[in-house]
All heavy atoms as atom14 arrays in JSON, in Angstrom:
{
  "sequence": "TNQTSGDGLYIHTTVATADTDNIFENLLIKNIKQNGIEIGAHNAN",
  "atom14_mask": [
    [1, 1, 1, 1, 1, 1, 1, 0, 0, 0, 0, 0, 0, 0],
    [1, 1, 1, 1, 1, 1, 1, 1, 0, 0, 0, 0, 0, 0],
    [1, 1, 1, 1, 1, 1, 1, 1, 1, 0, 0, 0, 0, 0],
    [1, 1, 1, 1, 1, 1, 1, 0, 0, 0, 0, 0, 0, 0],
    [1, 1, 1, 1, 1, 1, 0, 0, 0, 0, 0, 0, 0, 0],
    [1, 1, 1, 1, 0, 0, 0, 0, 0, 0, 0, 0, 0, 0],
    [1, 1, 1, 1, 1, 1, 1, 1, 0, 0, 0, 0, 0, 0],
    [1, 1, 1, 1, 0, 0, 0, 0, 0, 0, 0, 0, 0, 0],
    [1, 1, 1, 1, 1, 1, 1, 1, 0, 0, 0, 0, 0, 0],
    [1, 1, 1, 1, 1, 1, 1, 1, 1, 1, 1, 1, 0, 0],
    [1, 1, 1, 1, 1, 1, 1, 1, 0, 0, 0, 0, 0, 0],
    [1, 1, 1, 1, 1, 1, 1, 1, 1, 1, 0, 0, 0, 0],
    [1, 1, 1, 1, 1, 1, 1, 0, 0, 0, 0, 0, 0, 0],
    [1, 1, 1, 1, 1, 1, 1, 0, 0, 0, 0, 0, 0, 0],
    [1, 1, 1, 1, 1, 1, 1, 0, 0, 0, 0, 0, 0, 0],
    [1, 1, 1, 1, 1, 0, 0, 0, 0, 0, 0, 0, 0, 0],
    [1, 1, 1, 1, 1, 1, 1, 0, 0, 0, 0, 0, 0, 0],
    [1, 1, 1, 1, 1, 0, 0, 0, 0, 0, 0, 0, 0, 0],
    [1, 1, 1, 1, 1, 1, 1, 1, 0, 0, 0, 0, 0, 0],
    [1, 1, 1, 1, 1, 1, 1, 0, 0, 0, 0, 0, 0, 0],
    [1, 1, 1, 1, 1, 1, 1, 1, 0, 0, 0, 0, 0, 0],
    [1, 1, 1, 1, 1, 1, 1, 1, 0, 0, 0, 0, 0, 0],
    [1, 1, 1, 1, 1, 1, 1, 1, 0, 0, 0, 0, 0, 0],
    [1, 1, 1, 1, 1, 1, 1, 1, 1, 1, 1, 0, 0, 0],
    [1, 1, 1, 1, 1, 1, 1, 1, 1, 0, 0, 0, 0, 0],
    [1, 1, 1, 1, 1, 1, 1, 1, 0, 0, 0, 0, 0, 0],
    [1, 1, 1, 1, 1, 1, 1, 1, 0, 0, 0, 0, 0, 0],
    [1, 1, 1, 1, 1, 1, 1, 1, 0, 0, 0, 0, 0, 0],
    [1, 1, 1, 1, 1, 1, 1, 1, 0, 0, 0, 0, 0, 0],
    [1, 1, 1, 1, 1, 1, 1, 1, 1, 0, 0, 0, 0, 0],
    [1, 1, 1, 1, 1, 1, 1, 1, 0, 0, 0, 0, 0, 0],
    [1, 1, 1, 1, 1, 1, 1, 1, 0, 0, 0, 0, 0, 0],
    [1, 1, 1, 1, 1, 1, 1, 1, 1, 0, 0, 0, 0, 0],
    [1, 1, 1, 1, 1, 1, 1, 1, 1, 0, 0, 0, 0, 0],
    [1, 1, 1, 1, 1, 1, 1, 1, 0, 0, 0, 0, 0, 0],
    [1, 1, 1, 1, 0, 0, 0, 0, 0, 0, 0, 0, 0, 0],
    [1, 1, 1, 1, 1, 1, 1, 1, 0, 0, 0, 0, 0, 0],
    [1, 1, 1, 1, 1, 1, 1, 1, 1, 0, 0, 0, 0, 0],
    [1, 1, 1, 1, 1, 1, 1, 1, 0, 0, 0, 0, 0, 0],
    [1, 1, 1, 1, 0, 0, 0, 0, 0, 0, 0, 0, 0, 0],
    [1, 1, 1, 1, 1, 0, 0, 0, 0, 0, 0, 0, 0, 0],
    [1, 1, 1, 1, 1, 1, 1, 1, 1, 1, 0, 0, 0, 0],
    [1, 1, 1, 1, 1, 1, 1, 1, 0, 0, 0, 0, 0, 0],
    [1, 1, 1, 1, 1, 0, 0, 0, 0, 0, 0, 0, 0, 0],
    [1, 1, 1, 1, 1, 1, 1, 1, 0, 0, 0, 0, 0, 0]
  ],
  "atom14_positions": [
    [[13.18, -13.13, 17.47], [14.52, -13.55, 17.96], [14.54, -15.02, 18.36], [15.64, -15.62, 18.54], [15.0, -12.64, 19.07], [14.0, -12.73, 20.14], [15.09, -11.14, 18.65], [0.0, 0.0, 0.0], [0.0, 0.0, 0.0], [0.0, 0.0, 0.0], [0.0, 0.0, 0.0], [0.0, 0.0, 0.0], [0.0, 0.0, 0.0], [0.0, 0.0, 0.0]],
    [[13.38, -15.59, 18.54], [13.35, -16.99, 18.92], [12.65, -17.9, 17.84], [12.08, -18.91, 18.26], [12.59, -17.08, 20.28], [13.33, -16.4, 21.38], [14.4, -16.81, 21.75], [12.68, -15.36, 21.99], [0.0, 0.0, 0.0], [0.0, 0.0, 0.0], [0.0, 0.0, 0.0], [0.0, 0.0, 0.0], [0.0, 0.0, 0.0], [0.0, 0.0, 0.0]],
    [[12.73, -17.49, 16.59], [12.22, -18.2, 15.49], [13.22, -18.35, 14.36], [14.09, -17.58, 14.29], [10.89, -17.54, 14.88], [9.91, -17.05, 15.9], [9.26, -18.14, 16.73], [9.18, -19.34, 16.26], [8.75, -17.83, 17.95], [0.0, 0.0, 0.0], [0.0, 0.0, 0.0], [0.0, 0.0, 0.0], [0.0, 0.0, 0.0], [0.0, 0.0, 0.0]],
    [[12.99, -19.35, 13.54], [13.79, -19.41, 12.29], [12.97, -19.13, 11.06], [13.48, -19.0, 9.98], [14.4, -20.9, 12.15], [13.28, -21.85, 12.04], [15.31, -21.14, 13.28], [0.0, 0.0, 0.0], [0.0, 0.0, 0.0], [0.0, 0.0, 0.0], [0.0, 0.0, 0.0], [0.0, 0.0, 0.0], [0.0, 0.0, 0.0], [0.0, 0.0, 0.0]],
    [[11.62, -19.0, 11.2], [10.72, -18.7, 10.13], [9.37, -18.11, 10.62], [9.21, -18.16, 11.79], [10.48, -19.91, 9.26], [9.8, -20.92, 10.07], [0.0, 0.0, 0.0], [0.0, 0.0, 0.0], [0.0, 0.0, 0.0], [0.0, 0.0, 0.0], [0.0, 0.0, 0.0], [0.0, 0.0, 0.0], [0.0, 0.0, 0.0], [0.0, 0.0, 0.0]],
    [[8.62, -17.6, 9.66], [7.28, -17.26, 10.06], [6.89, -15.83, 9.63], [7.56, -14.81, 9.86], [0.0, 0.0, 0.0], [0.0, 0.0, 0.0], [0.0, 0.0, 0.0], [0.0, 0.0, 0.0], [0.0, 0.0, 0.0], [0.0, 0.0, 0.0], [0.0, 0.0, 0.0], [0.0, 0.0, 0.0], [0.0, 0.0, 0.0], [0.0, 0.0, 0.0]],
    [[5.73, -15.72, 9.0], [5.11, -14.43, 8.7], [4.14, -14.08, 9.81], [3.78, -14.87, 10.63], [4.28, -14.59, 7.32], [5.15, -14.83, 6.14], [6.33, -14.24, 6.12], [4.74, -15.53, 5.2], [0.0, 0.0, 0.0], [0.0, 0.0, 0.0], [0.0, 0.0, 0.0], [0.0, 0.0, 0.0], [0.0, 0.0, 0.0], [0.0, 0.0, 0.0]],
    [[3.72, -12.81, 9.81], [2.68, -12.44, 10.71], [1.23, -12.87, 10.26], [0.62, -13.68, 10.89], [0.0, 0.0, 0.0], [0.0, 0.0, 0.0], [0.0, 0.0, 0.0], [0.0, 0.0, 0.0], [0.0, 0.0, 0.0], [0.0, 0.0, 0.0], [0.0, 0.0, 0.0], [0.0, 0.0, 0.0], [0.0, 0.0, 0.0], [0.0, 0.0, 0.0]],
    [[0.91, -12.47, 9.03], [-0.38, -12.78, 8.46], [-0.16, -13.24, 7.03], [0.5, -12.64, 6.22], [-1.34, -11.5, 8.4], [-2.62, -11.66, 7.8], [-3.5, -12.66, 8.49], [-3.33, -10.25, 7.75], [0.0, 0.0, 0.0], [0.0, 0.0, 0.0], [0.0, 0.0, 0.0], [0.0, 0.0, 0.0], [0.0, 0.0, 0.0], [0.0, 0.0, 0.0]],
    [[-0.7, -14.43, 6.71], [-0.49, -15.09, 5.43], [-1.91, -15.24, 4.77], [-2.83, -15.76, 5.43], [0.14, -16.48, 5.54], [0.28, -17.28, 4.33], [1.31, -16.88, 3.39], [-0.56, -18.3, 4.03], [1.39, -17.69, 2.18], [-0.38, -19.06, 2.89], [0.55, -18.74, 1.98], [0.75, -19.46, 0.8], [0.0, 0.0, 0.0], [0.0, 0.0, 0.0]],
    [[-2.03, -14.7, 3.56], [-3.29, -14.76, 2.82], [-3.19, -15.39, 1.43], [-2.43, -14.84, 0.58], [-3.85, -13.24, 2.65], [-3.86, -12.52, 4.01], [-5.23, -13.29, 1.97], [-4.14, -11.01, 3.78], [0.0, 0.0, 0.0], [0.0, 0.0, 0.0], [0.0, 0.0, 0.0], [0.0, 0.0, 0.0], [0.0, 0.0, 0.0], [0.0, 0.0, 0.0]],
    [[-3.73, -16.57, 1.28], [-3.63, -17.2, -0.03], [-4.76, -18.13, -0.19], [-4.77, -19.3, 0.22], [-2.3, -17.95, -0.12], [-2.01, -18.38, -1.55], [-0.86, -19.1, -1.81], [-2.66, -18.28, -2.68], [-0.86, -19.4, -3.16], [-1.95, -18.89, -3.69], [0.0, 0.0, 0.0], [0.0, 0.0, 0.0], [0.0, 0.0, 0.0], [0.0, 0.0, 0.0]],
    [[-5.85, -17.69, -0.82], [-6.95, -18.54, -1.21], [-6.71, -19.0, -2.71], [-5.9, -18.38, -3.41], [-8.29, -17.92, -1.0], [-8.29, -16.72, -1.81], [-8.56, -17.58, 0.37], [0.0, 0.0, 0.0], [0.0, 0.0, 0.0], [0.0, 0.0, 0.0], [0.0, 0.0, 0.0], [0.0, 0.0, 0.0], [0.0, 0.0, 0.0], [0.0, 0.0, 0.0]],
    [[-7.43, -20.03, -3.17], [-7.0, -20.77, -4.34], [-7.8, -20.44, -5.58], [-7.61, -21.11, -6.61], [-7.01, -22.21, -4.11], [-8.26, -22.67, -3.63], [-5.93, -22.64, -3.04], [0.0, 0.0, 0.0], [0.0, 0.0, 0.0], [0.0, 0.0, 0.0], [0.0, 0.0, 0.0], [0.0, 0.0, 0.0], [0.0, 0.0, 0.0], [0.0, 0.0, 0.0]],
    [[-8.76, -19.56, -5.53], [-9.51, -19.17, -6.67], [-9.12, -17.85, -7.19], [-9.13, -16.82, -6.55], [-11.03, -19.17, -6.44], [-11.78, -18.77, -7.68], [-11.49, -20.57, -5.99], [0.0, 0.0, 0.0], [0.0, 0.0, 0.0], [0.0, 0.0, 0.0], [0.0, 0.0, 0.0], [0.0, 0.0, 0.0], [0.0, 0.0, 0.0], [0.0, 0.0, 0.0]],
    [[-8.61, -17.75, -8.47], [-8.14, -16.51, -8.99], [-9.27, -15.55, -9.34], [-10.41, -15.96, -9.58], [-7.3, -16.73, -10.24], [0.0, 0.0, 0.0], [0.0, 0.0, 0.0], [0.0, 0.0, 0.0], [0.0, 0.0, 0.0], [0.0, 0.0, 0.0], [0.0, 0.0, 0.0], [0.0, 0.0, 0.0], [0.0, 0.0, 0.0], [0.0, 0.0, 0.0]],
    [[-8.93, -14.24, -9.36], [-9.81, -13.17, -9.74], [-11.11, -13.19, -8.91], [-12.22, -12.95, -9.42], [-10.18, -13.16, -11.26], [-10.91, -14.39, -11.56], [-8.87, -13.09, -12.1], [0.0, 0.0, 0.0], [0.0, 0.0, 0.0], [0.0, 0.0, 0.0], [0.0, 0.0, 0.0], [0.0, 0.0, 0.0], [0.0, 0.0, 0.0], [0.0, 0.0, 0.0]],
    [[-10.99, -13.48, -7.65], [-12.18, -13.55, -6.74], [-12.22, -12.26, -5.92], [-11.15, -11.95, -5.31], [-12.11, -14.75, -5.85], [0.0, 0.0, 0.0], [0.0, 0.0, 0.0], [0.0, 0.0, 0.0], [0.0, 0.0, 0.0], [0.0, 0.0, 0.0], [0.0, 0.0, 0.0], [0.0, 0.0, 0.0], [0.0, 0.0, 0.0], [0.0, 0.0, 0.0]],
    [[-13.29, -11.66, -5.81], [-13.45, -10.57, -4.88], [-13.81, -11.08, -3.54], [-14.97, -11.38, -3.18], [-14.69, -9.65, -5.31], [-14.3, -8.8, -6.58], [-13.0, -8.65, -6.81], [-15.15, -8.33, -7.27], [0.0, 0.0, 0.0], [0.0, 0.0, 0.0], [0.0, 0.0, 0.0], [0.0, 0.0, 0.0], [0.0, 0.0, 0.0], [0.0, 0.0, 0.0]],
    [[-12.84, -11.24, -2.69], [-12.93, -11.85, -1.44], [-13.53, -10.99, -0.29], [-14.02, -11.47, 0.69], [-11.61, -12.46, -0.93], [-10.62, -11.45, -1.04], [-11.19, -13.61, -1.78], [0.0, 0.0, 0.0], [0.0, 0.0, 0.0], [0.0, 0.0, 0.0], [0.0, 0.0, 0.0], [0.0, 0.0, 0.0], [0.0, 0.0, 0.0], [0.0, 0.0, 0.0]],
    [[-13.4, -9.66, -0.52], [-13.98, -8.71, 0.39], [-13.51, -8.93, 1.82], [-14.28, -8.76, 2.82], [-15.52, -8.81, 0.38], [-16.1, -8.43, -0.97], [-15.67, -7.44, -1.61], [-17.01, -9.16, -1.42], [0.0, 0.0, 0.0], [0.0, 0.0, 0.0], [0.0, 0.0, 0.0], [0.0, 0.0, 0.0], [0.0, 0.0, 0.0], [0.0, 0.0, 0.0]],
    [[-12.24, -9.29, 2.0], [-11.7, -9.42, 3.34], [-11.33, -8.06, 3.91], [-10.91, -7.12, 3.12], [-10.45, -10.27, 3.32], [-10.74, -11.74, 2.93], [-11.9, -12.22, 3.21], [-9.78, -12.43, 2.27], [0.0, 0.0, 0.0], [0.0, 0.0, 0.0], [0.0, 0.0, 0.0], [0.0, 0.0, 0.0], [0.0, 0.0, 0.0], [0.0, 0.0, 0.0]],
    [[-11.49, -7.85, 5.22], [-11.16, -6.66, 5.86], [-10.23, -6.84, 7.01], [-10.43, -7.66, 7.81], [-12.5, -6.0, 6.45], [-13.45, -5.6, 5.24], [-12.19, -4.72, 7.25], [-14.8, -5.09, 5.68], [0.0, 0.0, 0.0], [0.0, 0.0, 0.0], [0.0, 0.0, 0.0], [0.0, 0.0, 0.0], [0.0, 0.0, 0.0], [0.0, 0.0, 0.0]],
    [[-9.11, -6.01, 7.03], [-8.13, -6.02, 8.07], [-7.95, -4.69, 8.61], [-7.58, -3.77, 7.9], [-6.83, -6.58, 7.54], [-6.99, -7.87, 6.74], [-7.12, -7.85, 5.32], [-6.95, -9.07, 7.4], [-7.29, -9.07, 4.63], [-7.12, -10.3, 6.69], [-7.31, -10.27, 5.33], [0.0, 0.0, 0.0], [0.0, 0.0, 0.0], [0.0, 0.0, 0.0]],
    [[-8.28, -4.48, 9.87], [-8.27, -3.16, 10.37], [-7.82, -3.01, 11.8], [-8.06, -4.03, 12.6], [-9.57, -2.37, 10.21], [-10.77, -3.03, 10.88], [-12.03, -2.33, 10.5], [-12.02, -1.15, 9.95], [-13.14, -2.86, 10.82], [0.0, 0.0, 0.0], [0.0, 0.0, 0.0], [0.0, 0.0, 0.0], [0.0, 0.0, 0.0], [0.0, 0.0, 0.0]],
    [[-7.12, -1.97, 12.18], [-6.71, -1.73, 13.53], [-5.84, -2.83, 14.05], [-6.07, -3.51, 15.11], [-7.88, -1.5, 14.51], [-8.74, -0.4, 13.97], [-8.38, 0.55, 13.43], [-10.09, -0.53, 14.28], [0.0, 0.0, 0.0], [0.0, 0.0, 0.0], [0.0, 0.0, 0.0], [0.0, 0.0, 0.0], [0.0, 0.0, 0.0], [0.0, 0.0, 0.0]],
    [[-4.76, -3.11, 13.29], [-3.87, -4.22, 13.67], [-2.39, -3.67, 13.91], [-1.97, -2.74, 13.17], [-3.74, -5.23, 12.52], [-5.07, -5.92, 12.17], [-4.81, -6.89, 10.97], [-5.74, -6.64, 13.28], [0.0, 0.0, 0.0], [0.0, 0.0, 0.0], [0.0, 0.0, 0.0], [0.0, 0.0, 0.0], [0.0, 0.0, 0.0], [0.0, 0.0, 0.0]],
    [[-1.78, -4.25, 14.86], [-0.37, -4.05, 15.06], [0.33, -5.39, 14.75], [0.0, -6.27, 15.46], [-0.06, -3.53, 16.47], [1.41, -3.57, 16.97], [2.27, -2.61, 16.1], [1.53, -3.23, 18.43], [0.0, 0.0, 0.0], [0.0, 0.0, 0.0], [0.0, 0.0, 0.0], [0.0, 0.0, 0.0], [0.0, 0.0, 0.0], [0.0, 0.0, 0.0]],
    [[1.31, -5.35, 13.84], [2.03, -6.58, 13.55], [3.52, -6.3, 13.73], [4.15, -5.39, 13.07], [1.75, -6.96, 12.05], [0.25, -7.25, 11.83], [2.55, -8.25, 11.66], [-0.15, -7.47, 10.4], [0.0, 0.0, 0.0], [0.0, 0.0, 0.0], [0.0, 0.0, 0.0], [0.0, 0.0, 0.0], [0.0, 0.0, 0.0], [0.0, 0.0, 0.0]],
    [[4.15, -7.0, 14.59], [5.52, -6.61, 15.02], [6.39, -7.87, 15.28], [5.91, -8.89, 15.55], [5.44, -5.72, 16.29], [4.96, -6.41, 17.49], [4.94, -5.45, 18.71], [4.47, -6.2, 19.94], [4.5, -5.26, 21.1], [0.0, 0.0, 0.0], [0.0, 0.0, 0.0], [0.0, 0.0, 0.0], [0.0, 0.0, 0.0], [0.0, 0.0, 0.0]],
    [[7.73, -7.53, 15.28], [8.74, -8.58, 15.64], [8.45, -9.94, 14.79], [8.49, -10.97, 15.39], [8.67, -8.86, 17.11], [8.85, -7.72, 17.96], [9.65, -6.83, 17.62], [8.17, -7.63, 19.12], [0.0, 0.0, 0.0], [0.0, 0.0, 0.0], [0.0, 0.0, 0.0], [0.0, 0.0, 0.0], [0.0, 0.0, 0.0], [0.0, 0.0, 0.0]],
    [[8.43, -9.78, 13.48], [8.19, -10.85, 12.58], [9.48, -11.38, 11.9], [10.2, -10.53, 11.4], [7.15, -10.47, 11.54], [5.87, -9.89, 12.21], [6.8, -11.64, 10.58], [5.17, -10.82, 13.09], [0.0, 0.0, 0.0], [0.0, 0.0, 0.0], [0.0, 0.0, 0.0], [0.0, 0.0, 0.0], [0.0, 0.0, 0.0], [0.0, 0.0, 0.0]],
    [[9.66, -12.65, 11.9], [10.92, -13.23, 11.31], [10.94, -13.05, 9.87], [12.05, -12.86, 9.28], [11.02, -14.73, 11.72], [12.37, -15.38, 11.4], [13.45, -14.75, 12.13], [14.81, -15.35, 11.85], [15.91, -14.64, 12.66], [0.0, 0.0, 0.0], [0.0, 0.0, 0.0], [0.0, 0.0, 0.0], [0.0, 0.0, 0.0], [0.0, 0.0, 0.0]],
    [[9.84, -13.09, 9.13], [9.8, -12.98, 7.71], [8.97, -11.7, 7.39], [9.29, -10.66, 7.84], [9.36, -14.23, 7.01], [10.38, -15.37, 7.23], [9.91, -16.67, 6.64], [9.15, -17.47, 7.18], [10.45, -16.98, 5.42], [0.0, 0.0, 0.0], [0.0, 0.0, 0.0], [0.0, 0.0, 0.0], [0.0, 0.0, 0.0], [0.0, 0.0, 0.0]],
    [[7.89, -11.92, 6.67], [7.09, -10.76, 6.19], [5.97, -10.49, 7.19], [5.31, -11.42, 7.69], [6.47, -11.07, 4.78], [7.49, -11.24, 3.72], [8.45, -10.43, 3.62], [7.41, -12.37, 2.97], [0.0, 0.0, 0.0], [0.0, 0.0, 0.0], [0.0, 0.0, 0.0], [0.0, 0.0, 0.0], [0.0, 0.0, 0.0], [0.0, 0.0, 0.0]],
    [[5.66, -9.18, 7.37], [4.58, -8.81, 8.26], [3.23, -9.32, 7.72], [2.5, -10.06, 8.39], [0.0, 0.0, 0.0], [0.0, 0.0, 0.0], [0.0, 0.0, 0.0], [0.0, 0.0, 0.0], [0.0, 0.0, 0.0], [0.0, 0.0, 0.0], [0.0, 0.0, 0.0], [0.0, 0.0, 0.0], [0.0, 0.0, 0.0], [0.0, 0.0, 0.0]],
    [[2.96, -9.04, 6.45], [1.84, -9.55, 5.69], [2.38, -10.12, 4.41], [3.05, -9.51, 3.65], [0.81, -8.42, 5.37], [0.2, -7.85, 6.63], [-0.27, -8.94, 4.45], [-0.81, -6.75, 6.38], [0.0, 0.0, 0.0], [0.0, 0.0, 0.0], [0.0, 0.0, 0.0], [0.0, 0.0, 0.0], [0.0, 0.0, 0.0], [0.0, 0.0, 0.0]],
    [[1.95, -11.35, 4.15], [2.39, -12.08, 2.96], [1.15, -12.4, 2.12], [0.28, -13.16, 2.58], [3.15, -13.39, 3.27], [3.25, -14.39, 2.17], [4.51, -14.14, 1.31], [5.44, -13.49, 1.82], [4.48, -14.53, 0.13], [0.0, 0.0, 0.0], [0.0, 0.0, 0.0], [0.0, 0.0, 0.0], [0.0, 0.0, 0.0], [0.0, 0.0, 0.0]],
    [[1.0, -11.92, 0.91], [-0.08, -12.3, 0.03], [0.48, -13.4, -0.88], [1.6, -13.34, -1.43], [-0.48, -11.05, -0.86], [-0.77, -9.8, -0.04], [-1.68, -11.44, -1.66], [-1.97, -9.96, 0.84], [0.0, 0.0, 0.0], [0.0, 0.0, 0.0], [0.0, 0.0, 0.0], [0.0, 0.0, 0.0], [0.0, 0.0, 0.0], [0.0, 0.0, 0.0]],
    [[-0.32, -14.45, -1.1], [0.16, -15.58, -1.93], [0.42, -15.21, -3.26], [-0.38, -14.45, -3.96], [0.0, 0.0, 0.0], [0.0, 0.0, 0.0], [0.0, 0.0, 0.0], [0.0, 0.0, 0.0], [0.0, 0.0, 0.0], [0.0, 0.0, 0.0], [0.0, 0.0, 0.0], [0.0, 0.0, 0.0], [0.0, 0.0, 0.0], [0.0, 0.0, 0.0]],
    [[1.47, -15.69, -3.94], [1.82, -15.38, -5.33], [0.74, -16.0, -6.26], [0.19, -17.05, -5.99], [3.23, -15.94, -5.62], [0.0, 0.0, 0.0], [0.0, 0.0, 0.0], [0.0, 0.0, 0.0], [0.0, 0.0, 0.0], [0.0, 0.0, 0.0], [0.0, 0.0, 0.0], [0.0, 0.0, 0.0], [0.0, 0.0, 0.0], [0.0, 0.0, 0.0]],
    [[0.42, -15.25, -7.25], [-0.56, -15.67, -8.36], [-1.89, -15.94, -7.63], [-2.68, -16.65, -8.13], [-0.1, -16.93, -9.07], [1.23, -16.72, -9.75], [1.38, -15.99, -10.88], [2.38, -17.2, -9.45], [2.67, -15.96, -11.21], [3.34, -16.68, -10.39], [0.0, 0.0, 0.0], [0.0, 0.0, 0.0], [0.0, 0.0, 0.0], [0.0, 0.0, 0.0]],
    [[-2.13, -15.15, -6.55], [-3.35, -15.25, -5.78], [-4.51, -14.67, -6.58], [-5.56, -15.18, -6.83], [-3.23, -14.56, -4.44], [-4.03, -15.08, -3.37], [-4.61, -16.18, -3.42], [-4.22, -14.38, -2.28], [0.0, 0.0, 0.0], [0.0, 0.0, 0.0], [0.0, 0.0, 0.0], [0.0, 0.0, 0.0], [0.0, 0.0, 0.0], [0.0, 0.0, 0.0]],
    [[-4.25, -13.39, -7.07], [-5.17, -12.6, -7.81], [-6.57, -12.44, -7.13], [-7.59, -12.31, -7.86], [-5.4, -13.2, -9.2], [0.0, 0.0, 0.0], [0.0, 0.0, 0.0], [0.0, 0.0, 0.0], [0.0, 0.0, 0.0], [0.0, 0.0, 0.0], [0.0, 0.0, 0.0], [0.0, 0.0, 0.0], [0.0, 0.0, 0.0], [0.0, 0.0, 0.0]],
    [[-6.52, -12.37, -5.86], [-7.73, -12.06, -5.08], [-7.88, -10.58, -4.93], [-6.88, -9.85, -4.77], [-7.76, -12.75, -3.71], [-8.1, -14.22, -3.81], [-9.19, -14.52, -4.27], [-7.22, -15.07, -3.43], [0.0, 0.0, 0.0], [0.0, 0.0, 0.0], [0.0, 0.0, 0.0], [0.0, 0.0, 0.0], [0.0, 0.0, 0.0], [0.0, 0.0, 0.0]]
  ]
}
């Protein structure tokens, strides 16, 4: 309510088709102005 923009978590690394093996667990994401989790377009991770 006090923002004009903003995701909760943004994930976008720049190498395509990479097995990044990132782990996200036991998270509460709330009250987000835009997307709760945003994966970068054409990321292919």
